[in-house]
Every structure is written in structure tokens, then in C-alpha cells.
Amino acid sequence: MRHSVIERTLNFDPDVLRLSGDAYLEGYWASEKYFKDVEPLLRRELVVKTPPSEANVAMAERIGQVTAVSVHVRRGTRSLTRAFAGTSLRCRWSTIWQPWTRSPG
């Protein structure tokens, strides 16, 4: 029988790694510690197969020349949507995931 496990905290919970049998996991599970033992598999499977567009290459080069910061605004959060309604805030959404560029640090 499958049971549900709801993430209790955003911090790593080692008890989750001791689960056995089928389980439905609900939460963010953002810690890399949850996936460390399957990291090689994930790196093989989760690769970008389409070459970047010229615009993305140019943007990656610009980002590589400066100290860059990324800000994520959740558009699905209704309170945020209402908070910015009627303002001049403009959000441009683009995804630049380029593991082939240099790592920070």
C-alpha cells in the first residue's frame, strides 16, 4: 500500500531516505542530499539536447563578464499578482540553463 509523505520543513530530512515501499512525496525536496546517490544518473539523463540559440549564447557571454544575480518572481502567487497589478513592473521570462558554461566561484 502506498502512503503519502508531506515535506515537514525546507531543510533536509534524513528520515525520508529511510522510507521503504511505495510512497507519494509532496513538497519541494530542494536539498541535493535527497538525490546525491543518484547524481550520476540525473546528470546523464537531465541534459539539454537542443543547442542554445544565438540570443542565449550572447546572453550567457554577457552574464559571464559580470557578477550576475537572478531574481525569481512566482507569477502563480495570487497575492503577488494583486500586489503588482497596475504597476509598471514588467517581467520578462526566459530560461537560460547552460551547464556547459563556467560555474560560479
N, C-alpha and C. Protein backbone atom coordinates (compact mmCIF):
# COMPACT_ATOMS: atom_id res chain seq x y z
N MET A 1 0.84 -1.19 0.00
CA MET A 1 0.00 0.00 0.00
C MET A 1 0.88 1.24 0.00
N ARG A 2 0.54 2.18 -0.83
CA ARG A 2 1.31 3.42 -0.94
C ARG A 2 0.83 4.42 0.11
N HIS A 3 1.77 5.10 0.73
CA HIS A 3 1.40 6.13 1.69
C HIS A 3 1.97 7.48 1.25
N SER A 4 1.42 8.55 1.80
CA SER A 4 1.85 9.90 1.45
C SER A 4 2.79 10.45 2.51
N VAL A 5 3.78 11.19 2.05
CA VAL A 5 4.71 11.87 2.94
C VAL A 5 4.75 13.33 2.51
N ILE A 6 4.38 14.21 3.43
CA ILE A 6 4.40 15.65 3.15
C ILE A 6 5.66 16.23 3.78
N GLU A 7 6.40 16.99 3.00
CA GLU A 7 7.63 17.61 3.50
C GLU A 7 7.30 18.50 4.69
N ARG A 8 7.99 18.25 5.81
CA ARG A 8 7.72 18.99 7.05
C ARG A 8 8.48 20.29 7.14
N THR A 9 9.63 20.36 6.49
CA THR A 9 10.48 21.54 6.56
C THR A 9 11.23 21.66 5.25
N LEU A 10 11.72 22.84 4.94
CA LEU A 10 12.51 23.01 3.73
C LEU A 10 13.94 22.52 3.92
N ASN A 11 14.30 22.19 5.15
CA ASN A 11 15.63 21.63 5.42
C ASN A 11 15.63 20.14 5.10
N PHE A 12 16.81 19.59 4.89
CA PHE A 12 16.96 18.17 4.61
C PHE A 12 16.46 17.34 5.78
N ASP A 13 15.67 16.32 5.48
CA ASP A 13 15.13 15.41 6.49
C ASP A 13 15.65 14.00 6.20
N PRO A 14 16.67 13.52 6.92
CA PRO A 14 17.26 12.21 6.63
C PRO A 14 16.28 11.05 6.79
N ASP A 15 15.21 11.23 7.55
CA ASP A 15 14.22 10.16 7.71
C ASP A 15 13.58 9.78 6.37
N VAL A 16 13.49 10.72 5.45
CA VAL A 16 12.88 10.45 4.15
C VAL A 16 13.68 9.39 3.40
N LEU A 17 15.00 9.39 3.56
CA LEU A 17 15.84 8.41 2.86
C LEU A 17 15.68 7.00 3.42
N ARG A 18 15.06 6.88 4.58
CA ARG A 18 14.85 5.56 5.18
C ARG A 18 13.47 4.99 4.87
N LEU A 19 12.69 5.67 4.06
CA LEU A 19 11.36 5.17 3.69
C LEU A 19 11.51 3.88 2.88
N SER A 20 10.56 3.00 3.04
CA SER A 20 10.57 1.78 2.24
C SER A 20 9.21 1.60 1.59
N GLY A 21 9.17 0.84 0.53
CA GLY A 21 7.91 0.63 -0.17
C GLY A 21 7.55 1.83 -1.02
N ASP A 22 6.34 1.80 -1.55
CA ASP A 22 5.86 2.90 -2.38
C ASP A 22 5.41 4.06 -1.51
N ALA A 23 5.75 5.27 -1.93
CA ALA A 23 5.33 6.47 -1.19
C ALA A 23 5.10 7.60 -2.18
N TYR A 24 4.11 8.42 -1.89
CA TYR A 24 3.86 9.63 -2.65
C TYR A 24 4.47 10.77 -1.85
N LEU A 25 5.46 11.45 -2.42
CA LEU A 25 6.15 12.54 -1.73
C LEU A 25 5.61 13.87 -2.21
N GLU A 26 5.17 14.69 -1.27
CA GLU A 26 4.63 16.00 -1.60
C GLU A 26 5.49 17.07 -0.95
N GLY A 27 6.02 17.98 -1.76
CA GLY A 27 6.86 19.05 -1.23
C GLY A 27 7.84 19.53 -2.28
N TYR A 28 8.84 20.29 -1.84
CA TYR A 28 9.83 20.84 -2.76
C TYR A 28 11.06 19.95 -2.88
N TRP A 29 11.47 19.30 -1.79
CA TRP A 29 12.60 18.38 -1.78
C TRP A 29 13.80 19.01 -2.48
N ALA A 30 14.14 20.22 -2.09
CA ALA A 30 15.15 21.01 -2.79
C ALA A 30 16.58 20.68 -2.41
N SER A 31 16.80 19.99 -1.33
CA SER A 31 18.17 19.67 -0.92
C SER A 31 18.79 18.64 -1.85
N GLU A 32 20.00 18.91 -2.29
CA GLU A 32 20.70 17.94 -3.14
C GLU A 32 21.00 16.64 -2.41
N LYS A 33 20.93 16.68 -1.10
CA LYS A 33 21.19 15.47 -0.31
C LYS A 33 20.17 14.36 -0.61
N TYR A 34 18.98 14.72 -1.03
CA TYR A 34 17.98 13.72 -1.38
C TYR A 34 18.38 12.94 -2.64
N PHE A 35 19.18 13.54 -3.49
CA PHE A 35 19.48 12.97 -4.80
C PHE A 35 20.94 12.61 -4.98
N LYS A 36 21.75 12.77 -3.95
CA LYS A 36 23.19 12.58 -4.06
C LYS A 36 23.55 11.18 -4.57
N ASP A 37 22.86 10.16 -4.12
CA ASP A 37 23.22 8.80 -4.53
C ASP A 37 22.85 8.49 -5.97
N VAL A 38 22.00 9.29 -6.59
CA VAL A 38 21.65 9.09 -8.00
C VAL A 38 22.14 10.24 -8.87
N GLU A 39 23.06 11.03 -8.33
CA GLU A 39 23.57 12.19 -9.07
C GLU A 39 24.13 11.82 -10.45
N PRO A 40 24.97 10.79 -10.57
CA PRO A 40 25.48 10.46 -11.91
C PRO A 40 24.36 10.16 -12.92
N LEU A 41 23.35 9.42 -12.48
CA LEU A 41 22.23 9.10 -13.35
C LEU A 41 21.49 10.38 -13.76
N LEU A 42 21.21 11.26 -12.80
CA LEU A 42 20.50 12.50 -13.10
C LEU A 42 21.29 13.37 -14.07
N ARG A 43 22.61 13.43 -13.89
CA ARG A 43 23.44 14.24 -14.79
C ARG A 43 23.45 13.67 -16.21
N ARG A 44 23.35 12.37 -16.34
CA ARG A 44 23.27 11.76 -17.67
C ARG A 44 21.91 12.00 -18.32
N GLU A 45 20.86 11.87 -17.52
CA GLU A 45 19.50 11.95 -18.05
C GLU A 45 19.00 13.38 -18.27
N LEU A 46 19.39 14.29 -17.40
CA LEU A 46 18.87 15.66 -17.46
C LEU A 46 19.87 16.59 -18.14
N VAL A 47 19.98 16.43 -19.44
CA VAL A 47 20.89 17.27 -20.22
C VAL A 47 20.10 18.04 -21.27
N VAL A 48 20.58 19.20 -21.59
CA VAL A 48 19.97 19.99 -22.64
C VAL A 48 20.43 19.42 -23.97
N LYS A 49 19.48 19.00 -24.79
CA LYS A 49 19.82 18.35 -26.06
C LYS A 49 19.78 19.32 -27.23
N THR A 50 19.10 20.42 -27.06
CA THR A 50 18.99 21.42 -28.12
C THR A 50 20.07 22.48 -27.90
N PRO A 51 20.87 22.77 -28.92
CA PRO A 51 21.90 23.81 -28.76
C PRO A 51 21.24 25.15 -28.43
N PRO A 52 21.93 26.00 -27.69
CA PRO A 52 21.35 27.31 -27.34
C PRO A 52 21.22 28.19 -28.58
N SER A 53 20.21 29.04 -28.56
CA SER A 53 20.02 29.98 -29.66
C SER A 53 21.12 31.04 -29.63
N GLU A 54 21.26 31.79 -30.70
CA GLU A 54 22.26 32.86 -30.73
C GLU A 54 22.01 33.87 -29.61
N ALA A 55 20.74 34.16 -29.36
CA ALA A 55 20.41 35.12 -28.30
C ALA A 55 20.85 34.60 -26.93
N ASN A 56 20.65 33.30 -26.68
CA ASN A 56 21.07 32.73 -25.39
C ASN A 56 22.59 32.67 -25.28
N VAL A 57 23.28 32.39 -26.37
CA VAL A 57 24.75 32.40 -26.34
C VAL A 57 25.25 33.80 -26.01
N ALA A 58 24.65 34.81 -26.66
CA ALA A 58 25.05 36.19 -26.40
C ALA A 58 24.77 36.58 -24.94
N MET A 59 23.62 36.16 -24.43
CA MET A 59 23.28 36.49 -23.03
C MET A 59 24.22 35.78 -22.08
N ALA A 60 24.55 34.52 -22.35
CA ALA A 60 25.49 33.79 -21.49
C ALA A 60 26.85 34.47 -21.47
N GLU A 61 27.28 34.99 -22.61
CA GLU A 61 28.55 35.71 -22.66
C GLU A 61 28.49 36.98 -21.84
N ARG A 62 27.38 37.71 -21.93
CA ARG A 62 27.21 38.93 -21.12
C ARG A 62 27.22 38.59 -19.63
N ILE A 63 26.49 37.55 -19.26
CA ILE A 63 26.42 37.14 -17.85
C ILE A 63 27.80 36.74 -17.36
N GLY A 64 28.58 36.06 -18.20
CA GLY A 64 29.90 35.61 -17.81
C GLY A 64 30.90 36.74 -17.59
N GLN A 65 30.59 37.93 -18.06
CA GLN A 65 31.50 39.06 -17.94
C GLN A 65 31.27 39.90 -16.69
N VAL A 66 30.21 39.61 -15.96
CA VAL A 66 29.87 40.42 -14.79
C VAL A 66 29.49 39.53 -13.61
N THR A 67 29.33 40.13 -12.45
CA THR A 67 28.76 39.43 -11.32
C THR A 67 27.24 39.49 -11.50
N ALA A 68 26.64 38.36 -11.82
CA ALA A 68 25.23 38.33 -12.18
C ALA A 68 24.36 37.87 -11.01
N VAL A 69 23.13 38.36 -10.99
CA VAL A 69 22.15 37.99 -9.97
C VAL A 69 20.87 37.60 -10.69
N SER A 70 20.21 36.57 -10.19
CA SER A 70 18.95 36.14 -10.76
C SER A 70 17.84 36.33 -9.73
N VAL A 71 16.71 36.84 -10.16
CA VAL A 71 15.56 37.02 -9.27
C VAL A 71 14.40 36.24 -9.86
N HIS A 72 13.78 35.42 -9.04
CA HIS A 72 12.64 34.61 -9.48
C HIS A 72 11.38 35.15 -8.82
N VAL A 73 10.41 35.55 -9.62
CA VAL A 73 9.13 36.03 -9.10
C VAL A 73 8.08 35.02 -9.51
N ARG A 74 7.37 34.48 -8.53
CA ARG A 74 6.34 33.49 -8.82
C ARG A 74 5.08 34.19 -9.28
N ARG A 75 4.77 34.04 -10.55
CA ARG A 75 3.56 34.67 -11.07
C ARG A 75 2.30 33.98 -10.60
N GLY A 76 2.40 32.74 -10.20
CA GLY A 76 1.22 32.00 -9.78
C GLY A 76 0.73 32.35 -8.39
N THR A 77 1.51 33.14 -7.66
CA THR A 77 1.11 33.52 -6.32
C THR A 77 0.14 34.68 -6.41
N ARG A 78 -1.08 34.44 -6.08
CA ARG A 78 -2.12 35.45 -6.27
C ARG A 78 -1.86 36.74 -5.50
N SER A 79 -1.34 36.62 -4.28
CA SER A 79 -1.09 37.84 -3.50
C SER A 79 -0.05 38.71 -4.20
N LEU A 80 0.97 38.09 -4.82
CA LEU A 80 1.97 38.87 -5.56
C LEU A 80 1.36 39.48 -6.81
N THR A 81 0.51 38.71 -7.49
CA THR A 81 -0.13 39.21 -8.71
C THR A 81 -0.94 40.45 -8.38
N ARG A 82 -1.70 40.40 -7.29
CA ARG A 82 -2.50 41.56 -6.89
C ARG A 82 -1.61 42.71 -6.44
N ALA A 83 -0.51 42.41 -5.76
CA ALA A 83 0.37 43.45 -5.25
C ALA A 83 0.99 44.27 -6.38
N PHE A 84 1.26 43.62 -7.53
CA PHE A 84 1.91 44.33 -8.62
C PHE A 84 0.93 44.79 -9.70
N ALA A 85 -0.35 44.53 -9.52
CA ALA A 85 -1.35 44.93 -10.51
C ALA A 85 -1.35 46.45 -10.64
N GLY A 86 -1.35 46.92 -11.87
CA GLY A 86 -1.42 48.35 -12.10
C GLY A 86 -0.08 49.06 -11.97
N THR A 87 0.99 48.35 -11.70
CA THR A 87 2.30 48.99 -11.61
C THR A 87 3.00 48.88 -12.95
N SER A 88 4.14 49.53 -13.07
CA SER A 88 4.89 49.48 -14.32
C SER A 88 5.87 48.31 -14.33
N LEU A 89 5.76 47.42 -13.33
CA LEU A 89 6.66 46.27 -13.29
C LEU A 89 6.44 45.39 -14.51
N ARG A 90 7.51 45.12 -15.20
CA ARG A 90 7.43 44.24 -16.36
C ARG A 90 8.35 43.06 -16.10
N CYS A 91 7.82 41.89 -16.29
CA CYS A 91 8.60 40.68 -16.08
C CYS A 91 8.89 40.04 -17.43
N ARG A 92 10.12 39.75 -17.65
CA ARG A 92 10.49 39.03 -18.87
C ARG A 92 10.97 37.66 -18.43
N TRP A 93 10.32 36.64 -18.91
CA TRP A 93 10.64 35.29 -18.50
C TRP A 93 11.47 34.62 -19.58
N SER A 94 12.63 34.19 -19.22
CA SER A 94 13.44 33.41 -20.15
C SER A 94 14.21 32.37 -19.34
N THR A 95 14.49 31.30 -19.97
CA THR A 95 15.22 30.24 -19.30
C THR A 95 16.57 30.10 -19.96
N ILE A 96 17.60 30.28 -19.17
CA ILE A 96 18.95 30.06 -19.67
C ILE A 96 19.57 29.04 -18.75
N TRP A 97 19.55 27.80 -19.17
CA TRP A 97 20.16 26.74 -18.38
C TRP A 97 21.28 26.20 -19.22
N GLN A 98 22.47 26.58 -18.88
CA GLN A 98 23.60 26.19 -19.70
C GLN A 98 24.69 25.59 -18.83
N PRO A 99 24.58 24.29 -18.57
CA PRO A 99 25.58 23.64 -17.73
C PRO A 99 26.95 23.63 -18.37
N TRP A 100 27.04 23.97 -19.65
CA TRP A 100 28.32 23.96 -20.32
C TRP A 100 29.09 25.26 -20.10
N THR A 101 28.50 26.25 -19.44
CA THR A 101 29.23 27.47 -19.13
C THR A 101 29.95 27.32 -17.81
N ARG A 102 30.82 28.26 -17.51
CA ARG A 102 31.62 28.14 -16.29
C ARG A 102 30.75 28.20 -15.05
N SER A 103 31.18 27.52 -14.01
CA SER A 103 30.47 27.52 -12.74
C SER A 103 30.85 28.75 -11.96
N PRO A 104 29.93 29.27 -11.12
CA PRO A 104 30.28 30.43 -10.28
C PRO A 104 31.35 30.05 -9.27
N GLY A 105 32.13 31.05 -8.91
CA GLY A 105 33.14 30.82 -7.87
C GLY A 105 34.43 30.59 -8.47
